[in-house]
N, C-alpha and C. Protein backbone atom coordinates (compact mmCIF):
# COMPACT_ATOMS: atom_id res chain seq x y z
N MET A 1 -16.42 4.72 9.17
CA MET A 1 -15.40 5.25 10.05
C MET A 1 -15.72 6.72 10.32
N THR A 2 -15.64 7.12 11.56
CA THR A 2 -15.94 8.51 11.90
C THR A 2 -14.81 9.42 11.44
N PRO A 3 -15.09 10.70 11.20
CA PRO A 3 -14.04 11.61 10.75
C PRO A 3 -12.87 11.70 11.73
N GLU A 4 -13.16 11.61 13.05
CA GLU A 4 -12.08 11.68 14.03
C GLU A 4 -11.12 10.51 13.87
N VAL A 5 -11.66 9.32 13.68
CA VAL A 5 -10.82 8.13 13.49
C VAL A 5 -10.10 8.22 12.15
N ALA A 6 -10.83 8.61 11.12
CA ALA A 6 -10.25 8.66 9.78
C ALA A 6 -9.07 9.63 9.72
N SER A 7 -9.15 10.75 10.41
CA SER A 7 -8.09 11.73 10.33
C SER A 7 -6.82 11.29 11.06
N THR A 8 -6.94 10.38 12.01
CA THR A 8 -5.77 9.96 12.77
C THR A 8 -5.35 8.52 12.46
N ALA A 9 -6.13 7.83 11.66
CA ALA A 9 -5.84 6.42 11.38
C ALA A 9 -4.60 6.29 10.50
N PRO A 10 -3.80 5.27 10.76
CA PRO A 10 -2.65 5.02 9.89
C PRO A 10 -3.12 4.61 8.49
N ARG A 11 -2.37 5.03 7.48
CA ARG A 11 -2.72 4.71 6.09
C ARG A 11 -1.82 3.59 5.57
N VAL A 12 -2.45 2.68 4.84
CA VAL A 12 -1.74 1.54 4.28
C VAL A 12 -1.98 1.51 2.77
N LEU A 13 -0.92 1.28 2.03
CA LEU A 13 -1.03 1.07 0.59
C LEU A 13 -0.84 -0.41 0.32
N VAL A 14 -1.86 -1.04 -0.27
CA VAL A 14 -1.82 -2.46 -0.59
C VAL A 14 -1.57 -2.58 -2.09
N VAL A 15 -0.42 -3.17 -2.44
CA VAL A 15 -0.03 -3.31 -3.85
C VAL A 15 -0.04 -4.79 -4.21
N ASP A 16 -1.03 -5.18 -5.00
CA ASP A 16 -1.16 -6.58 -5.41
C ASP A 16 -1.95 -6.62 -6.71
N ASP A 17 -1.57 -7.47 -7.63
CA ASP A 17 -2.28 -7.54 -8.91
C ASP A 17 -3.56 -8.36 -8.84
N GLU A 18 -3.79 -9.06 -7.76
CA GLU A 18 -5.01 -9.86 -7.62
C GLU A 18 -6.05 -9.10 -6.81
N GLN A 19 -7.20 -8.84 -7.44
CA GLN A 19 -8.27 -8.07 -6.82
C GLN A 19 -8.75 -8.71 -5.52
N ILE A 20 -8.90 -10.01 -5.49
CA ILE A 20 -9.40 -10.68 -4.28
C ILE A 20 -8.44 -10.49 -3.11
N VAL A 21 -7.16 -10.53 -3.37
CA VAL A 21 -6.17 -10.32 -2.31
C VAL A 21 -6.27 -8.89 -1.79
N ARG A 22 -6.38 -7.92 -2.69
CA ARG A 22 -6.52 -6.52 -2.26
C ARG A 22 -7.80 -6.32 -1.46
N SER A 23 -8.88 -6.93 -1.90
CA SER A 23 -10.17 -6.76 -1.22
C SER A 23 -10.17 -7.35 0.18
N VAL A 24 -9.65 -8.56 0.31
CA VAL A 24 -9.62 -9.21 1.63
C VAL A 24 -8.68 -8.46 2.56
N THR A 25 -7.55 -8.04 2.04
CA THR A 25 -6.60 -7.28 2.86
C THR A 25 -7.21 -5.97 3.31
N ARG A 26 -7.88 -5.28 2.39
CA ARG A 26 -8.56 -4.02 2.74
C ARG A 26 -9.58 -4.25 3.86
N LEU A 27 -10.40 -5.27 3.71
CA LEU A 27 -11.42 -5.58 4.70
C LEU A 27 -10.81 -5.81 6.08
N MET A 28 -9.77 -6.62 6.14
CA MET A 28 -9.13 -6.90 7.43
C MET A 28 -8.53 -5.63 8.04
N LEU A 29 -7.87 -4.84 7.22
CA LEU A 29 -7.24 -3.62 7.74
C LEU A 29 -8.28 -2.59 8.18
N GLU A 30 -9.30 -2.40 7.38
CA GLU A 30 -10.33 -1.41 7.73
C GLU A 30 -11.08 -1.81 9.00
N ARG A 31 -11.29 -3.10 9.21
CA ARG A 31 -11.92 -3.56 10.45
C ARG A 31 -11.05 -3.25 11.67
N ASN A 32 -9.77 -3.02 11.42
CA ASN A 32 -8.84 -2.67 12.50
C ASN A 32 -8.46 -1.20 12.45
N HIS A 33 -9.31 -0.40 11.81
CA HIS A 33 -9.23 1.07 11.83
C HIS A 33 -8.05 1.66 11.06
N PHE A 34 -7.64 1.00 9.99
CA PHE A 34 -6.64 1.56 9.09
C PHE A 34 -7.36 2.16 7.89
N LEU A 35 -6.78 3.19 7.32
CA LEU A 35 -7.23 3.70 6.03
C LEU A 35 -6.44 2.96 4.97
N VAL A 36 -7.11 2.51 3.92
CA VAL A 36 -6.45 1.65 2.93
C VAL A 36 -6.63 2.22 1.53
N GLU A 37 -5.52 2.24 0.79
CA GLU A 37 -5.56 2.52 -0.64
C GLU A 37 -5.00 1.30 -1.34
N GLU A 38 -5.48 1.07 -2.55
CA GLU A 38 -5.07 -0.11 -3.31
C GLU A 38 -4.37 0.30 -4.59
N ALA A 39 -3.41 -0.54 -5.00
CA ALA A 39 -2.76 -0.38 -6.30
C ALA A 39 -2.60 -1.76 -6.91
N GLU A 40 -2.92 -1.89 -8.19
CA GLU A 40 -2.89 -3.19 -8.85
C GLU A 40 -1.59 -3.47 -9.59
N SER A 41 -0.68 -2.50 -9.58
CA SER A 41 0.59 -2.65 -10.30
C SER A 41 1.63 -1.71 -9.70
N ALA A 42 2.87 -1.89 -10.13
CA ALA A 42 3.93 -0.98 -9.69
C ALA A 42 3.64 0.44 -10.18
N ALA A 43 3.14 0.57 -11.39
CA ALA A 43 2.82 1.89 -11.93
C ALA A 43 1.74 2.58 -11.09
N ALA A 44 0.72 1.84 -10.71
CA ALA A 44 -0.34 2.41 -9.87
C ALA A 44 0.19 2.78 -8.49
N ALA A 45 1.09 1.97 -7.95
CA ALA A 45 1.70 2.26 -6.65
C ALA A 45 2.52 3.55 -6.74
N ARG A 46 3.30 3.68 -7.82
CA ARG A 46 4.09 4.91 -8.02
C ARG A 46 3.19 6.14 -8.04
N ALA A 47 2.06 6.03 -8.74
CA ALA A 47 1.12 7.16 -8.83
C ALA A 47 0.58 7.53 -7.45
N CYS A 48 0.21 6.53 -6.65
CA CYS A 48 -0.27 6.80 -5.28
C CYS A 48 0.81 7.49 -4.45
N LEU A 49 2.02 6.99 -4.57
CA LEU A 49 3.12 7.55 -3.77
C LEU A 49 3.48 8.95 -4.23
N GLN A 50 3.37 9.23 -5.51
CA GLN A 50 3.66 10.58 -6.01
C GLN A 50 2.62 11.58 -5.54
N GLN A 51 1.36 11.14 -5.46
CA GLN A 51 0.27 12.02 -5.04
C GLN A 51 0.34 12.34 -3.55
N ALA A 52 0.79 11.38 -2.75
CA ALA A 52 0.84 11.56 -1.30
C ALA A 52 2.11 10.91 -0.77
N PRO A 53 3.27 11.51 -1.01
CA PRO A 53 4.54 10.84 -0.76
C PRO A 53 4.81 10.41 0.68
N HIS A 54 4.33 11.13 1.64
CA HIS A 54 4.65 10.79 3.03
C HIS A 54 3.41 10.35 3.81
N ALA A 55 2.37 9.96 3.09
CA ALA A 55 1.10 9.68 3.74
C ALA A 55 0.97 8.27 4.31
N PHE A 56 1.78 7.34 3.84
CA PHE A 56 1.56 5.94 4.19
C PHE A 56 2.44 5.49 5.35
N THR A 57 1.80 4.89 6.34
CA THR A 57 2.50 4.30 7.47
C THR A 57 3.11 2.97 7.08
N LEU A 58 2.37 2.23 6.24
CA LEU A 58 2.77 0.89 5.84
C LEU A 58 2.46 0.68 4.37
N ILE A 59 3.36 -0.02 3.68
CA ILE A 59 3.14 -0.39 2.29
C ILE A 59 3.31 -1.90 2.19
N LEU A 60 2.24 -2.57 1.77
CA LEU A 60 2.26 -4.03 1.58
C LEU A 60 2.47 -4.30 0.10
N LEU A 61 3.60 -4.90 -0.24
CA LEU A 61 3.95 -5.16 -1.63
C LEU A 61 3.90 -6.65 -1.95
N ASP A 62 3.21 -6.98 -3.03
CA ASP A 62 3.27 -8.34 -3.55
C ASP A 62 4.61 -8.50 -4.25
N TYR A 63 5.21 -9.66 -4.12
CA TYR A 63 6.50 -9.89 -4.76
C TYR A 63 6.37 -9.90 -6.28
N THR A 64 5.29 -10.50 -6.79
CA THR A 64 5.11 -10.63 -8.23
C THR A 64 4.03 -9.68 -8.72
N LEU A 65 4.45 -8.66 -9.45
CA LEU A 65 3.53 -7.70 -10.05
C LEU A 65 3.67 -7.80 -11.57
N PRO A 66 2.67 -7.34 -12.32
CA PRO A 66 2.74 -7.49 -13.77
C PRO A 66 3.86 -6.67 -14.43
N ASP A 67 4.26 -5.56 -13.83
CA ASP A 67 5.23 -4.69 -14.48
C ASP A 67 6.61 -4.67 -13.82
N CYS A 68 6.78 -5.31 -12.68
CA CYS A 68 8.08 -5.49 -12.04
C CYS A 68 7.87 -6.30 -10.77
N THR A 69 8.93 -6.61 -10.07
CA THR A 69 8.74 -7.31 -8.80
C THR A 69 8.63 -6.29 -7.67
N GLY A 70 8.03 -6.72 -6.59
CA GLY A 70 7.96 -5.87 -5.41
C GLY A 70 9.35 -5.51 -4.92
N LEU A 71 10.27 -6.44 -5.03
CA LEU A 71 11.65 -6.20 -4.61
C LEU A 71 12.28 -5.09 -5.44
N GLU A 72 12.00 -5.06 -6.73
CA GLU A 72 12.52 -3.99 -7.60
C GLU A 72 11.87 -2.64 -7.28
N LEU A 73 10.67 -2.68 -6.75
CA LEU A 73 9.93 -1.45 -6.45
C LEU A 73 10.37 -0.80 -5.13
N ILE A 74 10.94 -1.57 -4.24
CA ILE A 74 11.30 -1.05 -2.91
C ILE A 74 12.18 0.21 -2.97
N PRO A 75 13.23 0.29 -3.80
CA PRO A 75 14.02 1.52 -3.82
C PRO A 75 13.21 2.77 -4.17
N GLU A 76 12.25 2.62 -5.08
CA GLU A 76 11.39 3.76 -5.42
C GLU A 76 10.47 4.11 -4.26
N VAL A 77 9.94 3.10 -3.60
CA VAL A 77 9.10 3.33 -2.42
C VAL A 77 9.90 4.11 -1.39
N ARG A 78 11.13 3.73 -1.18
CA ARG A 78 12.00 4.40 -0.20
C ARG A 78 12.23 5.87 -0.57
N GLN A 79 12.30 6.18 -1.87
CA GLN A 79 12.47 7.57 -2.30
C GLN A 79 11.25 8.41 -1.94
N PHE A 80 10.06 7.87 -2.21
CA PHE A 80 8.83 8.61 -1.97
C PHE A 80 8.39 8.59 -0.51
N ALA A 81 8.62 7.48 0.15
CA ALA A 81 8.11 7.29 1.50
C ALA A 81 9.20 6.70 2.40
N PRO A 82 10.23 7.48 2.69
CA PRO A 82 11.38 6.93 3.43
C PRO A 82 11.06 6.45 4.84
N ASN A 83 10.01 6.96 5.43
CA ASN A 83 9.67 6.57 6.81
C ASN A 83 8.60 5.49 6.89
N SER A 84 8.10 5.06 5.76
CA SER A 84 7.06 4.02 5.75
C SER A 84 7.69 2.66 5.95
N ARG A 85 6.97 1.81 6.65
CA ARG A 85 7.36 0.41 6.78
C ARG A 85 6.92 -0.30 5.52
N VAL A 86 7.71 -1.29 5.08
CA VAL A 86 7.38 -2.04 3.87
C VAL A 86 7.38 -3.53 4.21
N ILE A 87 6.33 -4.20 3.79
CA ILE A 87 6.26 -5.65 3.92
C ILE A 87 6.15 -6.22 2.51
N LEU A 88 7.08 -7.09 2.16
CA LEU A 88 7.09 -7.77 0.88
C LEU A 88 6.54 -9.17 1.09
N SER A 89 5.55 -9.55 0.30
CA SER A 89 4.95 -10.88 0.49
C SER A 89 4.72 -11.55 -0.85
N SER A 90 4.47 -12.84 -0.77
CA SER A 90 4.15 -13.60 -1.98
C SER A 90 3.01 -14.56 -1.65
N GLY A 91 2.07 -14.64 -2.57
CA GLY A 91 0.89 -15.47 -2.34
C GLY A 91 1.20 -16.92 -2.47
């Protein structure tokens, strides 16, 4: 991705405990010019959001995570990233 595209591309946080799901999702999003960060748990997602609270345009949450559900995580996501869109999904 060129620096011009990278600096203006929307950022997506993909939160899923399954590596293959994160990898395939990343590939699809990056092919469509999104910047993607991955988190394998609610704790990892919290860390990403604390480091860059308003950076994400979209947050894709798996419903079942090892340390809580995606549904339980949404209120925290809203605190850190109130303007981000959130999609909750289940495999």
